[in-house]
Amino acid sequence: MGPRRTAPVMAIGLLICSLPFHAQAADPPCDRYPAGKQARCVAIWKDLNRQDGPTIAQFGLDQQKRREQGQINAQQHLAENMAFIKQSTDKRLERLKERMARE
């Protein structure tokens, strides 16, 4: 893997690593739940992020490939990444809400 491919892969790794939240503090989206449910929320949120990590990484790799092939430019790449991140996060938030409602 050359330098051109290493940077995007590292960026994707950093994105995935930044997704889970620390159990010590109830970060968004878990801070809206009562204190007694926040730990469970954090555990569910971490699990949802772990489950979606491979999909997020694959999207990033596919985007980089399209960009290297000249199918998209830098602005399109950024716009599509931001849209994907928002959509992916919204889906995880909905799944979190559903799982917390069942708890």
C-alpha atoms as a PDB file:
ATOM      1  CA  MET A   1       0.000   0.000   0.000  1.00  0.00           C
ATOM      2  CA  GLY A   2       1.636   3.248  -1.127  1.00  0.00           C
ATOM      3  CA  PRO A   3       1.518   6.653   0.542  1.00  0.00           C
ATOM      4  CA  ARG A   4      -1.524   7.737  -1.484  1.00  0.00           C
ATOM      5  CA  ARG A   5      -3.572   4.838  -0.153  1.00  0.00           C
ATOM      6  CA  THR A   6      -2.188   4.844   3.389  1.00  0.00           C
ATOM      7  CA  ALA A   7      -3.440   8.304   4.337  1.00  0.00           C
ATOM      8  CA  PRO A   8      -7.118   7.604   3.515  1.00  0.00           C
ATOM      9  CA  VAL A   9      -6.986   4.257   5.300  1.00  0.00           C
ATOM     10  CA  MET A  10      -5.480   5.946   8.365  1.00  0.00           C
ATOM     11  CA  ALA A  11      -8.166   8.649   8.207  1.00  0.00           C
ATOM     12  CA  ILE A  12     -10.865   5.990   8.088  1.00  0.00           C
ATOM     13  CA  GLY A  13      -9.278   4.246  11.056  1.00  0.00           C
ATOM     14  CA  LEU A  14      -9.264   7.489  13.017  1.00  0.00           C
ATOM     15  CA  LEU A  15     -12.930   8.062  12.126  1.00  0.00           C
ATOM     16  CA  ILE A  16     -13.881   4.608  13.339  1.00  0.00           C
ATOM     17  CA  CYS A  17     -11.831   5.015  16.519  1.00  0.00           C
ATOM     18  CA  SER A  18     -13.544   8.298  17.260  1.00  0.00           C
ATOM     19  CA  LEU A  19     -17.022   6.811  16.981  1.00  0.00           C
ATOM     20  CA  PRO A  20     -17.289   4.940  20.299  1.00  0.00           C
ATOM     21  CA  PHE A  21     -17.878   6.916  23.456  1.00  0.00           C
ATOM     22  CA  HIS A  22     -16.139   6.523  26.814  1.00  0.00           C
ATOM     23  CA  ALA A  23     -18.094   4.703  29.514  1.00  0.00           C
ATOM     24  CA  GLN A  24     -16.944   7.144  32.222  1.00  0.00           C
ATOM     25  CA  ALA A  25     -19.042  10.018  30.888  1.00  0.00           C
ATOM     26  CA  ALA A  26     -22.417  10.018  29.251  1.00  0.00           C
ATOM     27  CA  ASP A  27     -21.597  11.693  25.970  1.00  0.00           C
ATOM     28  CA  PRO A  28     -24.171  12.521  23.359  1.00  0.00           C
ATOM     29  CA  PRO A  29     -26.354  10.730  22.469  1.00  0.00           C
ATOM     30  CA  CYS A  30     -26.480   9.041  25.881  1.00  0.00           C
ATOM     31  CA  ASP A  31     -26.526  12.199  27.960  1.00  0.00           C
ATOM     32  CA  ARG A  32     -30.250  12.610  27.328  1.00  0.00           C
ATOM     33  CA  TYR A  33     -31.086   9.419  29.225  1.00  0.00           C
ATOM     34  CA  PRO A  34     -31.500   9.225  33.020  1.00  0.00           C
ATOM     35  CA  ALA A  35     -28.274   8.547  34.908  1.00  0.00           C
ATOM     36  CA  GLY A  36     -29.330   4.962  35.621  1.00  0.00           C
ATOM     37  CA  LYS A  37     -29.651   4.158  31.905  1.00  0.00           C
ATOM     38  CA  GLN A  38     -26.603   6.001  30.600  1.00  0.00           C
ATOM     39  CA  ALA A  39     -24.134   3.149  31.095  1.00  0.00           C
ATOM     40  CA  ARG A  40     -26.392   0.787  29.149  1.00  0.00           C
ATOM     41  CA  CYS A  41     -26.813   3.418  26.440  1.00  0.00           C
ATOM     42  CA  VAL A  42     -23.035   3.797  26.109  1.00  0.00           C
ATOM     43  CA  ALA A  43     -22.635   0.013  25.798  1.00  0.00           C
ATOM     44  CA  ILE A  44     -25.308  -0.161  23.083  1.00  0.00           C
ATOM     45  CA  TRP A  45     -23.798   2.847  21.248  1.00  0.00           C
ATOM     46  CA  LYS A  46     -20.348   1.232  21.259  1.00  0.00           C
ATOM     47  CA  ASP A  47     -21.827  -1.989  19.908  1.00  0.00           C
ATOM     48  CA  LEU A  48     -23.667  -0.147  17.129  1.00  0.00           C
ATOM     49  CA  ASN A  49     -20.462   1.656  16.148  1.00  0.00           C
ATOM     50  CA  ARG A  50     -18.525  -1.624  16.175  1.00  0.00           C
ATOM     51  CA  GLN A  51     -21.164  -3.248  13.961  1.00  0.00           C
ATOM     52  CA  ASP A  52     -21.104  -0.393  11.443  1.00  0.00           C
ATOM     53  CA  GLY A  53     -17.317   0.070  11.401  1.00  0.00           C
ATOM     54  CA  PRO A  54     -16.660  -2.276   8.465  1.00  0.00           C
ATOM     55  CA  THR A  55     -19.372  -0.619   6.355  1.00  0.00           C
ATOM     56  CA  ILE A  56     -17.989   2.827   7.092  1.00  0.00           C
ATOM     57  CA  ALA A  57     -14.452   1.715   6.269  1.00  0.00           C
ATOM     58  CA  GLN A  58     -15.549   0.083   3.004  1.00  0.00           C
ATOM     59  CA  PHE A  59     -17.375   3.239   1.963  1.00  0.00           C
ATOM     60  CA  GLY A  60     -14.214   5.255   2.563  1.00  0.00           C
ATOM     61  CA  LEU A  61     -12.087   2.839   0.549  1.00  0.00           C
ATOM     62  CA  ASP A  62     -14.613   2.853  -2.305  1.00  0.00           C
ATOM     63  CA  GLN A  63     -14.664   6.652  -2.285  1.00  0.00           C
ATOM     64  CA  GLN A  64     -10.872   6.824  -2.427  1.00  0.00           C
ATOM     65  CA  LYS A  65     -10.826   4.377  -5.333  1.00  0.00           C
ATOM     66  CA  ARG A  66     -13.401   6.458  -7.231  1.00  0.00           C
ATOM     67  CA  ARG A  67     -11.358   9.584  -6.606  1.00  0.00           C
ATOM     68  CA  GLU A  68      -8.111   7.974  -7.753  1.00  0.00           C
ATOM     69  CA  GLN A  69      -9.886   6.836 -10.925  1.00  0.00           C
ATOM     70  CA  GLY A  70     -11.029  10.404 -11.570  1.00  0.00           C
ATOM     71  CA  GLN A  71     -14.722   9.575 -11.141  1.00  0.00           C
ATOM     72  CA  ILE A  72     -15.155  12.230  -8.428  1.00  0.00           C
ATOM     73  CA  ASN A  73     -13.217  15.340  -7.469  1.00  0.00           C
ATOM     74  CA  ALA A  74     -12.166  16.491  -3.991  1.00  0.00           C
ATOM     75  CA  GLN A  75     -15.333  18.541  -3.409  1.00  0.00           C
ATOM     76  CA  GLN A  76     -17.596  15.657  -4.447  1.00  0.00           C
ATOM     77  CA  HIS A  77     -15.567  13.285  -2.285  1.00  0.00           C
ATOM     78  CA  LEU A  78     -15.988  15.515   0.768  1.00  0.00           C
ATOM     79  CA  ALA A  79     -19.693  16.149   0.115  1.00  0.00           C
ATOM     80  CA  GLU A  80     -20.439  12.452  -0.363  1.00  0.00           C
ATOM     81  CA  ASN A  81     -18.443  11.540   2.751  1.00  0.00           C
ATOM     82  CA  MET A  82     -20.306  14.098   4.855  1.00  0.00           C
ATOM     83  CA  ALA A  83     -23.670  12.878   3.532  1.00  0.00           C
ATOM     84  CA  PHE A  84     -22.726   9.259   4.236  1.00  0.00           C
ATOM     85  CA  ILE A  85     -21.531  10.063   7.759  1.00  0.00           C
ATOM     86  CA  LYS A  86     -24.758  11.938   8.522  1.00  0.00           C
ATOM     87  CA  GLN A  87     -26.951   9.166   7.109  1.00  0.00           C
ATOM     88  CA  SER A  88     -24.958   6.473   8.903  1.00  0.00           C
ATOM     89  CA  THR A  89     -25.087   8.350  12.209  1.00  0.00           C
ATOM     90  CA  ASP A  90     -28.824   8.998  11.868  1.00  0.00           C
ATOM     91  CA  LYS A  91     -29.425   5.281  11.307  1.00  0.00           C
ATOM     92  CA  ARG A  92     -27.333   4.360  14.360  1.00  0.00           C
ATOM     93  CA  LEU A  93     -29.175   6.931  16.473  1.00  0.00           C
ATOM     94  CA  GLU A  94     -32.500   5.437  15.410  1.00  0.00           C
ATOM     95  CA  ARG A  95     -31.284   1.934  16.258  1.00  0.00           C
ATOM     96  CA  LEU A  96     -30.041   3.228  19.630  1.00  0.00           C
ATOM     97  CA  LYS A  97     -33.422   4.788  20.340  1.00  0.00           C
ATOM     98  CA  GLU A  98     -35.211   1.535  19.465  1.00  0.00           C
ATOM     99  CA  ARG A  99     -32.904  -0.575  21.638  1.00  0.00           C
ATOM    100  CA  MET A 100     -33.142   1.827  24.578  1.00  0.00           C
ATOM    101  CA  ALA A 101     -36.943   1.771  24.321  1.00  0.00           C
ATOM    102  CA  ARG A 102     -36.841  -2.034  24.690  1.00  0.00           C
ATOM    103  CA  GLU A 103     -34.576  -1.850  27.767  1.00  0.00           C
END
